[in-house]
Protein backbone atom coordinates (compact mmCIF):
# COMPACT_ATOMS: atom_id res chain seq x y z
CA MET A 1 -76.34 91.86 -35.38
CA ALA A 2 -76.15 88.14 -36.12
CA LYS A 3 -74.14 85.98 -33.79
CA PRO A 4 -71.28 83.93 -35.30
CA ASN A 5 -71.85 80.27 -36.07
CA TYR A 6 -68.78 78.70 -34.50
CA THR A 7 -69.96 75.16 -35.23
CA PHE A 8 -69.99 75.88 -38.97
CA GLU A 9 -66.51 77.43 -38.81
CA LYS A 10 -65.16 74.46 -36.86
CA ARG A 11 -66.67 72.01 -39.35
CA GLN A 12 -65.09 73.90 -42.25
CA ARG A 13 -61.67 73.78 -40.54
CA GLU A 14 -62.07 70.03 -39.93
CA LEU A 15 -63.03 69.42 -43.57
CA LYS A 16 -60.04 71.43 -44.79
CA LYS A 17 -57.71 69.53 -42.47
CA SER A 18 -59.03 66.11 -43.49
CA LYS A 19 -58.77 67.08 -47.17
CA GLN A 20 -55.12 68.05 -46.71
CA GLN A 21 -54.40 64.79 -44.87
CA GLU A 22 -56.01 62.79 -47.67
CA GLU A 23 -53.98 64.64 -50.32
CA LYS A 24 -50.80 63.95 -48.36
CA ARG A 25 -51.72 60.26 -48.07
CA GLN A 26 -52.33 60.07 -51.82
CA GLU A 27 -48.94 61.70 -52.51
CA LYS A 28 -47.22 59.17 -50.25
CA LEU A 29 -48.92 56.28 -52.04
CA ALA A 30 -47.98 57.70 -55.44
CA ARG A 31 -44.34 58.10 -54.37
CA LYS A 32 -44.28 54.57 -52.97
CA ASP A 33 -45.79 53.08 -56.14
CA SER A 34 -43.48 54.98 -58.50
CA GLY A 35 -40.40 53.82 -56.59
CA GLU A 36 -39.00 57.27 -55.88
CA PRO A 37 -36.48 57.21 -53.04
CA SER A 38 -37.81 58.70 -49.86
CA ALA A 39 -35.88 60.27 -47.02
CA PRO A 40 -33.81 57.58 -45.29
CA THR A 41 -34.94 56.45 -41.88
CA ASP A 42 -32.89 54.93 -39.09
CA GLU A 43 -33.82 51.44 -40.27
CA GLU A 44 -32.58 52.01 -43.84
CA THR A 45 -29.17 53.49 -42.99
CA PRO A 46 -26.27 51.01 -42.91
CA SER A 47 -24.44 50.63 -39.60
């Protein structure tokens, strides 16, 4: 029986995670450029 290649599995998880982070970053940039309102932060709320 072949032993599992944990290094390969770990690398695949890391690639998947970095791909998701990059997609999220691209979505944020697209939202920022299009001028869509984002969720208000503490700095944006009037006192």
